[in-house]
Amino acid sequence: MDPILRRSSFFYVTAFVTYTGLMGRFMLTRDWPAFEVIPLFLPVWLISGMLASEHDERYAFLRTLPLTDRAVVRTKFALILSFVSAAWLLMTAVALFRMGDGVATPSTLVYVTLVCASALLVGALYQIGIW
């Protein structure tokens, strides 16, 4: 297994699990329309996982290891893409589930997709900025 993936995936998985817990708690309640607010927390959770991952594995440190720059970049961006993709799939599934209740509408799916796309862009730009 890739050492970068092995060490960094813990932080991304932890951020995803806490985001999922927050989302599951509020998106499954009928009283509060969480689809307006909870997806906006996705970039915050993504960047928190990224900062935790970069704490001990900054790019300068990774350059001292026998790893190519291509491997480092590919692994880091794959982690960002997988985090956002998993969150998008989960939020879309919850929105489709809640459409029957009338809590979510087709515009909710567009909103979730736009928020996830912007989170992906923000995460990628932030990762480039860290390096």
N, C-alpha and C. Protein backbone atom coordinates (compact mmCIF):
# COMPACT_ATOMS: atom_id res chain seq x y z
N MET A 1 0.84 -1.19 0.00
CA MET A 1 0.00 0.00 0.00
C MET A 1 0.88 1.24 0.00
N ASP A 2 0.43 2.25 -0.68
CA ASP A 2 1.14 3.50 -0.77
C ASP A 2 1.27 4.13 0.62
N PRO A 3 2.50 4.53 1.03
CA PRO A 3 2.65 5.10 2.38
C PRO A 3 1.90 6.42 2.56
N ILE A 4 1.80 7.21 1.53
CA ILE A 4 1.05 8.47 1.64
C ILE A 4 -0.43 8.17 1.85
N LEU A 5 -0.93 7.25 1.08
CA LEU A 5 -2.34 6.88 1.19
C LEU A 5 -2.64 6.26 2.55
N ARG A 6 -1.73 5.44 3.03
CA ARG A 6 -1.93 4.77 4.32
C ARG A 6 -1.98 5.78 5.46
N ARG A 7 -1.10 6.77 5.43
CA ARG A 7 -1.05 7.73 6.53
C ARG A 7 -2.11 8.82 6.40
N SER A 8 -2.35 9.30 5.20
CA SER A 8 -3.26 10.43 5.01
C SER A 8 -4.72 10.03 4.99
N SER A 9 -5.00 8.81 4.57
CA SER A 9 -6.41 8.41 4.45
C SER A 9 -7.11 8.41 5.81
N PHE A 10 -6.39 8.19 6.89
CA PHE A 10 -7.00 8.22 8.22
C PHE A 10 -7.67 9.57 8.48
N PHE A 11 -6.99 10.65 8.13
CA PHE A 11 -7.52 11.99 8.40
C PHE A 11 -8.73 12.30 7.52
N TYR A 12 -8.67 11.87 6.26
CA TYR A 12 -9.80 12.10 5.37
C TYR A 12 -11.00 11.24 5.77
N VAL A 13 -10.74 10.01 6.18
CA VAL A 13 -11.84 9.14 6.62
C VAL A 13 -12.46 9.68 7.90
N THR A 14 -11.64 10.14 8.82
CA THR A 14 -12.16 10.73 10.07
C THR A 14 -13.01 11.97 9.78
N ALA A 15 -12.54 12.82 8.88
CA ALA A 15 -13.33 14.01 8.52
C ALA A 15 -14.64 13.60 7.85
N PHE A 16 -14.60 12.58 7.01
CA PHE A 16 -15.82 12.12 6.34
C PHE A 16 -16.81 11.53 7.34
N VAL A 17 -16.31 10.77 8.29
CA VAL A 17 -17.20 10.14 9.28
C VAL A 17 -17.86 11.21 10.15
N THR A 18 -17.11 12.21 10.57
CA THR A 18 -17.72 13.26 11.39
C THR A 18 -18.70 14.09 10.58
N TYR A 19 -18.38 14.36 9.32
CA TYR A 19 -19.31 15.09 8.46
C TYR A 19 -20.57 14.27 8.22
N THR A 20 -20.40 12.98 8.01
CA THR A 20 -21.55 12.10 7.80
C THR A 20 -22.43 12.05 9.05
N GLY A 21 -21.81 12.01 10.21
CA GLY A 21 -22.57 12.01 11.45
C GLY A 21 -23.37 13.28 11.62
N LEU A 22 -22.75 14.41 11.32
CA LEU A 22 -23.46 15.69 11.39
C LEU A 22 -24.59 15.73 10.37
N MET A 23 -24.27 15.30 9.16
CA MET A 23 -25.27 15.33 8.10
C MET A 23 -26.41 14.37 8.41
N GLY A 24 -26.09 13.19 8.84
CA GLY A 24 -27.13 12.21 9.13
C GLY A 24 -28.05 12.66 10.25
N ARG A 25 -27.49 13.30 11.23
CA ARG A 25 -28.28 13.77 12.38
C ARG A 25 -29.30 14.82 11.96
N PHE A 26 -28.87 15.77 11.14
CA PHE A 26 -29.74 16.88 10.81
C PHE A 26 -30.53 16.69 9.52
N MET A 27 -30.01 15.92 8.58
CA MET A 27 -30.73 15.78 7.31
C MET A 27 -31.88 14.79 7.40
N LEU A 28 -31.87 13.94 8.38
CA LEU A 28 -32.94 12.97 8.50
C LEU A 28 -34.07 13.44 9.41
N THR A 29 -33.93 14.64 9.99
CA THR A 29 -35.03 15.18 10.79
C THR A 29 -35.98 15.94 9.88
N ARG A 30 -37.21 15.95 10.22
CA ARG A 30 -38.22 16.59 9.37
C ARG A 30 -38.36 18.08 9.68
N ASP A 31 -37.99 18.48 10.88
CA ASP A 31 -38.26 19.85 11.31
C ASP A 31 -37.34 20.90 10.70
N TRP A 32 -36.11 20.53 10.42
CA TRP A 32 -35.14 21.52 9.99
C TRP A 32 -34.68 21.23 8.57
N PRO A 33 -34.85 22.15 7.62
CA PRO A 33 -34.42 21.90 6.24
C PRO A 33 -32.90 22.03 6.11
N ALA A 34 -32.21 20.97 6.48
CA ALA A 34 -30.75 21.01 6.54
C ALA A 34 -30.08 21.06 5.17
N PHE A 35 -30.83 20.81 4.12
CA PHE A 35 -30.23 20.83 2.80
C PHE A 35 -29.75 22.22 2.40
N GLU A 36 -30.18 23.24 3.12
CA GLU A 36 -29.75 24.59 2.82
C GLU A 36 -28.41 24.93 3.47
N VAL A 37 -28.09 24.26 4.57
CA VAL A 37 -26.92 24.65 5.35
C VAL A 37 -25.84 23.58 5.40
N ILE A 38 -26.19 22.35 5.67
CA ILE A 38 -25.21 21.29 5.90
C ILE A 38 -24.24 21.09 4.73
N PRO A 39 -24.67 21.10 3.48
CA PRO A 39 -23.69 20.93 2.40
C PRO A 39 -22.60 22.01 2.38
N LEU A 40 -22.90 23.18 2.91
CA LEU A 40 -21.89 24.24 2.93
C LEU A 40 -20.74 23.93 3.88
N PHE A 41 -20.92 22.98 4.79
CA PHE A 41 -19.85 22.59 5.70
C PHE A 41 -18.86 21.63 5.04
N LEU A 42 -19.17 21.12 3.88
CA LEU A 42 -18.29 20.16 3.21
C LEU A 42 -16.89 20.71 2.98
N PRO A 43 -16.72 21.93 2.45
CA PRO A 43 -15.35 22.43 2.29
C PRO A 43 -14.60 22.57 3.61
N VAL A 44 -15.32 22.92 4.67
CA VAL A 44 -14.68 23.06 5.98
C VAL A 44 -14.15 21.71 6.46
N TRP A 45 -14.95 20.67 6.33
CA TRP A 45 -14.51 19.34 6.75
C TRP A 45 -13.38 18.83 5.85
N LEU A 46 -13.46 19.12 4.57
CA LEU A 46 -12.41 18.70 3.64
C LEU A 46 -11.08 19.37 3.99
N ILE A 47 -11.13 20.66 4.23
CA ILE A 47 -9.90 21.39 4.56
C ILE A 47 -9.38 20.98 5.93
N SER A 48 -10.25 20.65 6.87
CA SER A 48 -9.76 20.20 8.18
C SER A 48 -9.05 18.85 8.05
N GLY A 49 -9.59 17.95 7.24
CA GLY A 49 -8.90 16.69 6.98
C GLY A 49 -7.59 16.90 6.26
N MET A 50 -7.58 17.85 5.35
CA MET A 50 -6.37 18.16 4.60
C MET A 50 -5.30 18.75 5.52
N LEU A 51 -5.68 19.67 6.39
CA LEU A 51 -4.71 20.27 7.31
C LEU A 51 -4.15 19.24 8.27
N ALA A 52 -4.99 18.34 8.76
CA ALA A 52 -4.49 17.28 9.64
C ALA A 52 -3.54 16.37 8.89
N SER A 53 -3.84 16.09 7.66
CA SER A 53 -2.97 15.24 6.85
C SER A 53 -1.65 15.92 6.55
N GLU A 54 -1.68 17.20 6.29
CA GLU A 54 -0.47 17.93 5.93
C GLU A 54 0.39 18.31 7.14
N HIS A 55 -0.11 18.09 8.33
CA HIS A 55 0.64 18.48 9.52
C HIS A 55 2.00 17.78 9.57
N ASP A 56 2.04 16.49 9.35
CA ASP A 56 3.29 15.75 9.39
C ASP A 56 3.83 15.39 8.02
N GLU A 57 3.05 15.60 6.98
CA GLU A 57 3.48 15.20 5.65
C GLU A 57 3.46 16.38 4.69
N ARG A 58 4.09 17.43 5.06
CA ARG A 58 4.17 18.59 4.17
C ARG A 58 4.96 18.21 2.93
N TYR A 59 4.75 18.97 1.91
CA TYR A 59 5.37 18.66 0.63
C TYR A 59 6.91 18.67 0.72
N ALA A 60 7.46 19.58 1.52
CA ALA A 60 8.92 19.62 1.67
C ALA A 60 9.45 18.32 2.28
N PHE A 61 8.70 17.77 3.24
CA PHE A 61 9.10 16.49 3.83
C PHE A 61 8.97 15.36 2.81
N LEU A 62 7.88 15.36 2.07
CA LEU A 62 7.66 14.30 1.10
C LEU A 62 8.72 14.32 -0.01
N ARG A 63 9.28 15.47 -0.30
CA ARG A 63 10.33 15.54 -1.32
C ARG A 63 11.61 14.87 -0.86
N THR A 64 11.79 14.71 0.46
CA THR A 64 12.99 14.03 0.96
C THR A 64 12.87 12.52 0.87
N LEU A 65 11.66 12.02 0.69
CA LEU A 65 11.44 10.58 0.58
C LEU A 65 11.68 10.12 -0.85
N PRO A 66 11.91 8.83 -1.03
CA PRO A 66 12.12 8.33 -2.40
C PRO A 66 10.79 8.19 -3.16
N LEU A 67 10.07 9.29 -3.27
CA LEU A 67 8.80 9.33 -3.99
C LEU A 67 8.90 10.36 -5.10
N THR A 68 8.26 10.08 -6.19
CA THR A 68 8.23 11.06 -7.26
C THR A 68 7.17 12.10 -6.96
N ASP A 69 7.35 13.29 -7.52
CA ASP A 69 6.35 14.35 -7.34
C ASP A 69 5.02 13.92 -7.90
N ARG A 70 5.05 13.19 -8.99
CA ARG A 70 3.81 12.72 -9.62
C ARG A 70 3.03 11.81 -8.68
N ALA A 71 3.71 10.93 -7.96
CA ALA A 71 3.03 10.02 -7.03
C ALA A 71 2.40 10.79 -5.87
N VAL A 72 3.11 11.77 -5.36
CA VAL A 72 2.59 12.57 -4.25
C VAL A 72 1.34 13.33 -4.68
N VAL A 73 1.43 14.02 -5.81
CA VAL A 73 0.30 14.81 -6.30
C VAL A 73 -0.88 13.92 -6.63
N ARG A 74 -0.62 12.82 -7.29
CA ARG A 74 -1.71 11.91 -7.67
C ARG A 74 -2.42 11.36 -6.43
N THR A 75 -1.67 10.98 -5.43
CA THR A 75 -2.28 10.41 -4.22
C THR A 75 -3.07 11.46 -3.45
N LYS A 76 -2.50 12.66 -3.29
CA LYS A 76 -3.20 13.71 -2.54
C LYS A 76 -4.50 14.13 -3.24
N PHE A 77 -4.44 14.31 -4.55
CA PHE A 77 -5.65 14.70 -5.27
C PHE A 77 -6.67 13.57 -5.35
N ALA A 78 -6.20 12.33 -5.36
CA ALA A 78 -7.13 11.19 -5.33
C ALA A 78 -7.87 11.16 -4.00
N LEU A 79 -7.20 11.49 -2.91
CA LEU A 79 -7.86 11.54 -1.61
C LEU A 79 -8.92 12.64 -1.57
N ILE A 80 -8.59 13.80 -2.12
CA ILE A 80 -9.56 14.89 -2.16
C ILE A 80 -10.77 14.50 -3.00
N LEU A 81 -10.51 13.92 -4.17
CA LEU A 81 -11.60 13.51 -5.06
C LEU A 81 -12.46 12.43 -4.43
N SER A 82 -11.84 11.48 -3.75
CA SER A 82 -12.64 10.40 -3.14
C SER A 82 -13.48 10.93 -1.98
N PHE A 83 -12.95 11.85 -1.19
CA PHE A 83 -13.71 12.43 -0.08
C PHE A 83 -14.94 13.16 -0.60
N VAL A 84 -14.75 14.02 -1.59
CA VAL A 84 -15.86 14.81 -2.11
C VAL A 84 -16.85 13.91 -2.85
N SER A 85 -16.37 12.92 -3.58
CA SER A 85 -17.27 12.01 -4.29
C SER A 85 -18.14 11.21 -3.33
N ALA A 86 -17.54 10.73 -2.26
CA ALA A 86 -18.31 9.97 -1.27
C ALA A 86 -19.36 10.86 -0.61
N ALA A 87 -18.98 12.09 -0.28
CA ALA A 87 -19.94 13.02 0.33
C ALA A 87 -21.05 13.37 -0.65
N TRP A 88 -20.71 13.57 -1.92
CA TRP A 88 -21.73 13.88 -2.92
C TRP A 88 -22.70 12.72 -3.09
N LEU A 89 -22.18 11.51 -3.17
CA LEU A 89 -23.05 10.34 -3.31
C LEU A 89 -23.98 10.21 -2.10
N LEU A 90 -23.45 10.42 -0.93
CA LEU A 90 -24.27 10.30 0.28
C LEU A 90 -25.34 11.39 0.34
N MET A 91 -24.95 12.63 0.05
CA MET A 91 -25.94 13.72 0.09
C MET A 91 -27.00 13.55 -1.00
N THR A 92 -26.60 13.06 -2.16
CA THR A 92 -27.57 12.81 -3.23
C THR A 92 -28.53 11.70 -2.83
N ALA A 93 -28.01 10.65 -2.20
CA ALA A 93 -28.88 9.55 -1.75
C ALA A 93 -29.88 10.04 -0.70
N VAL A 94 -29.41 10.86 0.23
CA VAL A 94 -30.31 11.39 1.25
C VAL A 94 -31.36 12.30 0.61
N ALA A 95 -30.94 13.12 -0.36
CA ALA A 95 -31.90 14.02 -1.03
C ALA A 95 -32.93 13.21 -1.81
N LEU A 96 -32.50 12.17 -2.49
CA LEU A 96 -33.46 11.33 -3.22
C LEU A 96 -34.41 10.63 -2.26
N PHE A 97 -33.90 10.21 -1.12
CA PHE A 97 -34.73 9.57 -0.10
C PHE A 97 -35.76 10.54 0.46
N ARG A 98 -35.34 11.80 0.64
CA ARG A 98 -36.23 12.80 1.23
C ARG A 98 -37.17 13.45 0.23
N MET A 99 -37.01 13.17 -1.05
CA MET A 99 -37.93 13.72 -2.04
C MET A 99 -39.34 13.19 -1.85
N GLY A 100 -39.44 11.97 -1.37
CA GLY A 100 -40.76 11.40 -1.11
C GLY A 100 -41.49 12.11 0.00
N ASP A 101 -40.75 12.68 0.95
CA ASP A 101 -41.34 13.42 2.06
C ASP A 101 -41.68 14.86 1.69
N GLY A 102 -41.14 15.32 0.58
CA GLY A 102 -41.35 16.71 0.19
C GLY A 102 -40.35 17.67 0.78
N VAL A 103 -39.36 17.15 1.52
CA VAL A 103 -38.34 18.02 2.12
C VAL A 103 -37.36 18.48 1.06
N ALA A 104 -36.99 17.60 0.14
CA ALA A 104 -36.06 17.93 -0.93
C ALA A 104 -36.80 18.00 -2.26
N THR A 105 -36.27 18.81 -3.15
CA THR A 105 -36.83 18.97 -4.48
C THR A 105 -35.71 18.72 -5.50
N PRO A 106 -36.03 18.68 -6.79
CA PRO A 106 -34.95 18.51 -7.78
C PRO A 106 -33.89 19.62 -7.72
N SER A 107 -34.30 20.81 -7.31
CA SER A 107 -33.29 21.87 -7.18
C SER A 107 -32.30 21.57 -6.06
N THR A 108 -32.69 20.75 -5.10
CA THR A 108 -31.78 20.34 -4.04
C THR A 108 -30.63 19.52 -4.61
N LEU A 109 -30.93 18.67 -5.58
CA LEU A 109 -29.88 17.87 -6.21
C LEU A 109 -28.88 18.76 -6.95
N VAL A 110 -29.38 19.79 -7.60
CA VAL A 110 -28.49 20.74 -8.28
C VAL A 110 -27.64 21.48 -7.26
N TYR A 111 -28.26 21.91 -6.18
CA TYR A 111 -27.55 22.62 -5.12
C TYR A 111 -26.45 21.77 -4.52
N VAL A 112 -26.76 20.52 -4.21
CA VAL A 112 -25.76 19.61 -3.63
C VAL A 112 -24.61 19.40 -4.62
N THR A 113 -24.93 19.25 -5.89
CA THR A 113 -23.89 19.04 -6.90
C THR A 113 -22.99 20.27 -7.03
N LEU A 114 -23.59 21.46 -7.03
CA LEU A 114 -22.79 22.68 -7.13
C LEU A 114 -21.90 22.89 -5.90
N VAL A 115 -22.43 22.59 -4.73
CA VAL A 115 -21.64 22.73 -3.51
C VAL A 115 -20.47 21.75 -3.52
N CYS A 116 -20.72 20.51 -3.95
CA CYS A 116 -19.64 19.52 -3.99
C CYS A 116 -18.60 19.88 -5.05
N ALA A 117 -19.03 20.41 -6.17
CA ALA A 117 -18.07 20.84 -7.20
C ALA A 117 -17.22 21.99 -6.69
N SER A 118 -17.83 22.92 -6.00
CA SER A 118 -17.05 24.03 -5.45
C SER A 118 -16.13 23.55 -4.33
N ALA A 119 -16.58 22.58 -3.54
CA ALA A 119 -15.71 22.02 -2.50
C ALA A 119 -14.50 21.33 -3.12
N LEU A 120 -14.72 20.65 -4.22
CA LEU A 120 -13.62 20.00 -4.92
C LEU A 120 -12.62 21.03 -5.42
N LEU A 121 -13.11 22.11 -5.99
CA LEU A 121 -12.24 23.17 -6.48
C LEU A 121 -11.50 23.86 -5.33
N VAL A 122 -12.22 24.18 -4.26
CA VAL A 122 -11.59 24.82 -3.10
C VAL A 122 -10.54 23.90 -2.48
N GLY A 123 -10.86 22.63 -2.37
CA GLY A 123 -9.89 21.69 -1.80
C GLY A 123 -8.64 21.56 -2.66
N ALA A 124 -8.81 21.50 -3.96
CA ALA A 124 -7.65 21.40 -4.85
C ALA A 124 -6.80 22.66 -4.80
N LEU A 125 -7.45 23.82 -4.83
CA LEU A 125 -6.69 25.07 -4.75
C LEU A 125 -6.00 25.24 -3.40
N TYR A 126 -6.66 24.82 -2.35
CA TYR A 126 -6.06 24.89 -1.03
C TYR A 126 -4.85 23.96 -0.93
N GLN A 127 -4.96 22.77 -1.51
CA GLN A 127 -3.83 21.84 -1.50
C GLN A 127 -2.65 22.42 -2.28
N ILE A 128 -2.93 23.04 -3.41
CA ILE A 128 -1.86 23.68 -4.17
C ILE A 128 -1.26 24.83 -3.37
N GLY A 129 -2.10 25.59 -2.68
CA GLY A 129 -1.62 26.68 -1.85
C GLY A 129 -0.74 26.21 -0.70
N ILE A 130 -1.07 25.06 -0.13
CA ILE A 130 -0.26 24.51 0.97
C ILE A 130 1.13 24.13 0.45
N TRP A 131 1.17 23.58 -0.76
CA TRP A 131 2.46 23.15 -1.29
C TRP A 131 3.29 24.34 -1.69
